[in-house]
Amino acid sequence: MREQPALRLGLRRVKGLSQEGGERIVAARNERPFTDIADLAHRAQLNQRDCNALAAAGALAGLAGNRRQAHWQTLGIETKSPLGVEQHINEAIPMLPPPTEGQAIVADYSTLGLTLERHPLALLREKLNEQHLVTAEQINTSPQGRRARVAGLVVTRQRPGTASGVVFITLEDETGVVNVVVWGKLAQRQRRVLLESQLLLVNGEVQTEDGVTHFIARRLENYNRLLGGLETRSRDFH
C-alpha cells in the first residue's frame, strides 16, 4: 500500500515546550525510536511541563493513541526519586474516548497556532451556507461587480501609511483566501469590528483588475460567536 503524503511540524511550534527539552528529544530520538511515553520522558529527561505541552499539542498521539490517553499517561510519569533511583509504576490505562474533531482543532490552535486537521470553517460550512455566505473560491471566480457575503478567519490586517486609511485584510476559509479592501471611512466607522474579529463576515462587491480579484467591503460583522473556544491570531502590519 502506498503511503500518503505527510506534513510534520517542528517541536519549536509546541507552546510550553522548553528549548532544552526539545533538544533532548531530538538527541534521544536519533539514537532509537521511543517505545512509549515513559520511555520518551526518561530518555529525554522531560519534566512534567514538557510532557504536558507535548500531550496537549497532540505530539504523543503516536505513542498513546489520542490526546486524552496521552495526557492521562503523562500524569503518571515519574523521572527519579529523591534518592536518584528510577521508578516504574505499572498500572492499568483507562480507555479514554478520543476528542471530537472540533475539540482537536481547538486544541491545535491553542498549542500550535494552526491545525493539520480540516480547516475550522469546513466544520461551520453548513451554518454559513444557511446564511447564504459564499466561499473564498466562489469570490475569486466571480464576475466583476458581483455583490456577495463571505466569512473567513482573519489572517492579516495591513494599513500602509500611504493608503489614506485603507485597510487590507486577508480572509481564509477551507477553499482559499480573499483579499478584502476596507476603505478608510468604513474602517473608521467599524473600527472595533475590524480589529476584534477573528472570524469576520464581509458584505461587499467583487472587483477584478489585471487578473487580480479584490473584495470591496461595504459592511463588516463580527462572527466570533461561531468559533466557540477556538482562538486564532492574525498578523497585523501598520
Protein backbone atom coordinates (compact mmCIF):
# COMPACT_ATOMS: atom_id res chain seq x y z
CA MET A 1 0.00 0.00 0.00
CA ARG A 2 1.40 3.37 -0.99
CA GLU A 3 1.94 5.75 1.92
CA GLN A 4 0.01 9.02 1.92
CA PRO A 5 1.93 12.32 1.93
CA ALA A 6 2.56 13.65 5.43
CA LEU A 7 3.23 17.09 6.86
CA ARG A 8 5.20 17.29 10.09
CA LEU A 9 5.59 20.31 12.32
CA GLY A 10 8.76 21.17 14.24
CA LEU A 11 8.89 20.89 18.03
CA ARG A 12 9.52 24.64 18.17
CA ARG A 13 5.81 25.18 17.45
CA VAL A 14 4.70 23.38 20.62
CA LYS A 15 3.59 26.00 23.11
CA GLY A 16 5.16 25.46 26.54
CA LEU A 17 7.88 23.04 25.44
CA SER A 18 11.30 24.18 26.64
CA GLN A 19 14.12 24.51 24.13
CA GLU A 20 16.28 22.21 26.25
CA GLY A 21 13.56 19.59 26.33
CA GLY A 22 13.13 19.77 22.57
CA GLU A 23 16.86 19.37 22.01
CA ARG A 24 17.00 16.34 24.30
CA ILE A 25 14.07 14.77 22.47
CA VAL A 26 15.85 15.12 19.13
CA ALA A 27 19.09 13.69 20.53
CA ALA A 28 17.34 10.70 22.12
CA ARG A 29 15.23 10.07 19.02
CA ASN A 30 18.36 9.94 16.88
CA GLU A 31 19.60 7.04 19.00
CA ARG A 32 16.46 4.92 18.55
CA PRO A 33 12.67 5.37 18.35
CA PHE A 34 10.66 5.83 21.53
CA THR A 35 8.60 2.85 22.67
CA ASP A 36 6.10 4.70 24.83
CA ILE A 37 5.62 7.94 26.77
CA ALA A 38 7.53 6.70 29.80
CA ASP A 39 10.49 5.84 27.56
CA LEU A 40 10.34 9.30 25.97
CA ALA A 41 10.18 11.09 29.32
CA HIS A 42 13.03 9.03 30.78
CA ARG A 43 15.47 9.15 27.88
CA ALA A 44 14.84 12.84 27.07
CA GLN A 45 14.74 13.76 30.79
CA LEU A 46 11.47 15.64 30.36
CA ASN A 47 9.77 17.34 33.28
CA GLN A 48 6.00 17.35 33.78
CA ARG A 49 5.56 20.67 32.00
CA ASP A 50 7.29 19.46 28.84
CA CYS A 51 5.28 16.23 28.88
CA ASN A 52 2.03 18.14 29.30
CA ALA A 53 2.92 20.50 26.46
CA LEU A 54 3.57 17.60 24.10
CA ALA A 55 0.36 15.84 25.11
CA ALA A 56 -1.75 18.99 24.66
CA ALA A 57 -0.29 19.55 21.18
CA GLY A 58 -1.16 16.03 20.06
CA ALA A 59 2.53 15.18 19.63
CA LEU A 60 2.19 11.99 21.70
CA ALA A 61 -0.78 10.52 19.85
CA GLY A 62 1.50 8.04 18.08
CA LEU A 63 2.64 6.68 21.44
CA ALA A 64 -0.67 6.84 23.29
CA GLY A 65 -3.49 6.74 20.74
CA ASN A 66 -5.03 10.20 21.25
CA ARG A 67 -4.64 13.44 23.23
CA ARG A 68 -6.68 12.28 26.21
CA GLN A 69 -4.82 9.00 26.55
CA ALA A 70 -1.52 10.87 26.25
CA HIS A 71 -2.47 13.40 28.91
CA TRP A 72 -3.51 10.64 31.29
CA GLN A 73 -0.24 8.81 30.80
CA THR A 74 1.86 11.93 31.34
CA LEU A 75 0.22 12.39 34.74
CA GLY A 76 1.84 9.18 35.90
CA ILE A 77 5.34 9.99 34.69
CA GLU A 78 7.99 9.70 37.39
CA THR A 79 11.56 10.59 36.47
CA LYS A 80 13.69 9.91 39.51
CA SER A 81 13.07 9.60 43.20
CA PRO A 82 14.93 11.87 45.64
CA LEU A 83 17.47 9.06 46.02
CA GLY A 84 18.16 9.02 42.29
CA VAL A 85 16.51 5.64 41.72
CA GLU A 86 14.32 5.38 38.64
CA GLN A 87 10.74 4.39 39.35
CA HIS A 88 8.44 2.50 37.03
CA ILE A 89 4.84 2.15 38.09
CA ASN A 90 2.73 -0.24 36.07
CA GLU A 91 -0.98 0.47 36.23
CA ALA A 92 -3.99 -0.05 34.02
CA ILE A 93 -4.57 2.68 31.45
CA PRO A 94 -8.25 3.66 31.05
CA MET A 95 -9.67 3.61 27.55
CA LEU A 96 -10.49 7.28 27.20
CA PRO A 97 -12.52 8.30 24.13
CA PRO A 98 -10.68 10.43 21.59
CA PRO A 99 -11.60 14.12 21.34
CA THR A 100 -14.05 15.16 18.66
CA GLU A 101 -12.70 16.76 15.50
CA GLY A 102 -13.79 20.17 16.74
CA GLN A 103 -12.10 19.65 20.11
CA ALA A 104 -8.90 18.51 18.39
CA ILE A 105 -8.89 21.60 16.17
CA VAL A 106 -9.41 23.92 19.16
CA ALA A 107 -6.53 22.20 20.96
CA ASP A 108 -4.30 22.51 17.88
CA TYR A 109 -4.83 26.25 17.60
CA SER A 110 -4.30 26.67 21.34
CA THR A 111 -0.99 24.82 21.39
CA LEU A 112 0.35 25.14 17.83
CA GLY A 113 -1.38 28.17 16.35
CA LEU A 114 -2.65 26.06 13.43
CA THR A 115 -4.08 22.64 12.67
CA LEU A 116 -3.31 19.78 10.32
CA GLU A 117 -6.93 18.68 10.57
CA ARG A 118 -9.65 20.16 8.41
CA HIS A 119 -9.97 23.93 8.30
CA PRO A 120 -12.26 25.23 11.09
CA LEU A 121 -14.64 26.74 8.56
CA ALA A 122 -15.20 23.34 6.97
CA LEU A 123 -16.99 22.42 10.19
CA LEU A 124 -19.07 25.60 10.04
CA ARG A 125 -19.85 25.48 6.33
CA GLU A 126 -23.37 24.11 6.77
CA LYS A 127 -24.29 27.02 9.05
CA LEU A 128 -22.65 29.51 6.70
CA ASN A 129 -24.50 28.08 3.72
CA GLU A 130 -27.79 28.50 5.57
CA GLN A 131 -26.98 32.21 5.80
CA HIS A 132 -26.14 32.36 2.08
CA LEU A 133 -22.45 33.07 2.64
CA VAL A 134 -20.17 32.16 -0.27
CA THR A 135 -16.68 30.68 -0.12
CA ALA A 136 -13.34 32.28 -0.95
CA GLU A 137 -13.17 30.16 -4.10
CA GLN A 138 -16.54 31.47 -5.25
CA ILE A 139 -15.45 35.07 -4.64
CA ASN A 140 -12.26 34.60 -6.63
CA THR A 141 -14.14 33.14 -9.60
CA SER A 142 -16.99 35.66 -9.55
CA PRO A 143 -17.56 38.27 -12.28
CA GLN A 144 -16.79 41.93 -11.83
CA GLY A 145 -19.34 43.75 -9.71
CA ARG A 146 -20.94 40.75 -8.03
CA ARG A 147 -22.39 41.55 -4.59
CA ALA A 148 -21.90 38.81 -2.01
CA ARG A 149 -21.30 37.95 1.63
CA VAL A 150 -18.26 35.95 2.71
CA ALA A 151 -16.82 34.95 6.08
CA GLY A 152 -13.31 33.84 6.92
CA LEU A 153 -10.63 33.74 9.58
CA VAL A 154 -8.62 36.97 9.61
CA VAL A 155 -5.07 36.03 8.58
CA THR A 156 -3.59 39.51 8.11
CA ARG A 157 -4.51 43.16 8.52
CA GLN A 158 -2.40 45.75 6.74
CA ARG A 159 -2.68 49.51 6.93
CA PRO A 160 0.05 51.13 4.84
CA GLY A 161 0.90 54.67 5.84
CA THR A 162 0.41 55.88 2.27
CA ALA A 163 -3.01 54.30 1.76
CA SER A 164 -5.17 57.12 3.23
CA GLY A 165 -6.58 54.96 6.00
CA VAL A 166 -7.38 51.99 3.77
CA VAL A 167 -7.04 48.60 5.49
CA PHE A 168 -6.25 45.45 3.52
CA ILE A 169 -7.46 42.20 5.08
CA THR A 170 -6.77 38.62 4.10
CA LEU A 171 -9.58 36.21 4.97
CA GLU A 172 -9.11 32.45 4.88
CA ASP A 173 -11.58 29.58 4.68
CA GLU A 174 -11.34 25.92 3.65
CA THR A 175 -11.27 26.82 -0.06
CA GLY A 176 -8.66 29.59 -0.12
CA VAL A 177 -8.18 33.27 0.69
CA VAL A 178 -9.97 36.51 -0.11
CA ASN A 179 -8.24 39.87 -0.44
CA VAL A 180 -10.57 42.40 1.22
CA VAL A 181 -10.26 46.16 0.82
CA VAL A 182 -11.78 48.29 3.58
CA TRP A 183 -11.91 51.97 2.67
CA GLY A 184 -10.85 54.49 5.30
CA LYS A 185 -14.33 55.76 6.21
CA LEU A 186 -15.68 52.24 6.75
CA ALA A 187 -12.56 51.27 8.71
CA GLN A 188 -13.07 54.24 11.00
CA ARG A 189 -16.82 53.68 11.37
CA GLN A 190 -16.47 49.96 12.14
CA ARG A 191 -13.07 50.08 13.81
CA ARG A 192 -13.98 47.80 16.71
CA VAL A 193 -15.39 45.07 14.46
CA LEU A 194 -12.38 45.42 12.17
CA LEU A 195 -9.84 44.97 14.96
CA GLU A 196 -11.58 42.47 17.23
CA SER A 197 -12.93 39.95 14.73
CA GLN A 198 -11.18 36.61 14.41
CA LEU A 199 -13.97 35.34 12.17
CA LEU A 200 -15.09 38.26 10.02
CA LEU A 201 -18.13 38.47 7.78
CA VAL A 202 -17.83 40.93 4.91
CA ASN A 203 -20.68 42.19 2.79
CA GLY A 204 -19.17 43.62 -0.35
CA GLU A 205 -18.52 43.68 -4.05
CA VAL A 206 -16.08 41.84 -6.31
CA GLN A 207 -13.55 43.96 -8.17
CA THR A 208 -11.17 42.43 -10.70
CA GLU A 209 -8.27 44.32 -12.24
CA ASP A 210 -5.35 42.92 -14.27
CA GLY A 211 -6.31 39.40 -13.27
CA VAL A 212 -6.28 40.19 -9.54
CA THR A 213 -9.52 39.90 -7.57
CA HIS A 214 -10.32 42.09 -4.58
CA PHE A 215 -13.43 42.20 -2.47
CA ILE A 216 -14.51 45.75 -1.65
CA ALA A 217 -16.11 45.80 1.80
CA ARG A 218 -19.41 47.64 2.30
CA ARG A 219 -20.23 46.33 5.79
CA LEU A 220 -18.42 44.23 8.40
CA GLU A 221 -19.76 41.88 11.06
CA ASN A 222 -18.01 40.10 13.93
CA TYR A 223 -18.75 36.36 13.72
CA ASN A 224 -16.52 35.23 16.59
CA ARG A 225 -19.53 33.63 18.30
CA LEU A 226 -19.38 30.75 15.83
CA LEU A 227 -15.83 29.84 16.84
CA GLY A 228 -16.72 28.59 20.31
CA GLY A 229 -13.45 28.14 22.20
CA LEU A 230 -11.24 28.48 19.12
CA GLU A 231 -8.59 31.20 19.44
CA THR A 232 -6.81 32.38 16.30
CA ARG A 233 -4.22 35.08 15.72
CA SER A 234 -3.69 37.35 12.76
CA ARG A 235 -0.53 39.05 11.57
CA ASP A 236 -1.16 42.77 11.67
CA PHE A 237 1.05 45.33 9.91
CA HIS A 238 0.92 49.11 10.12
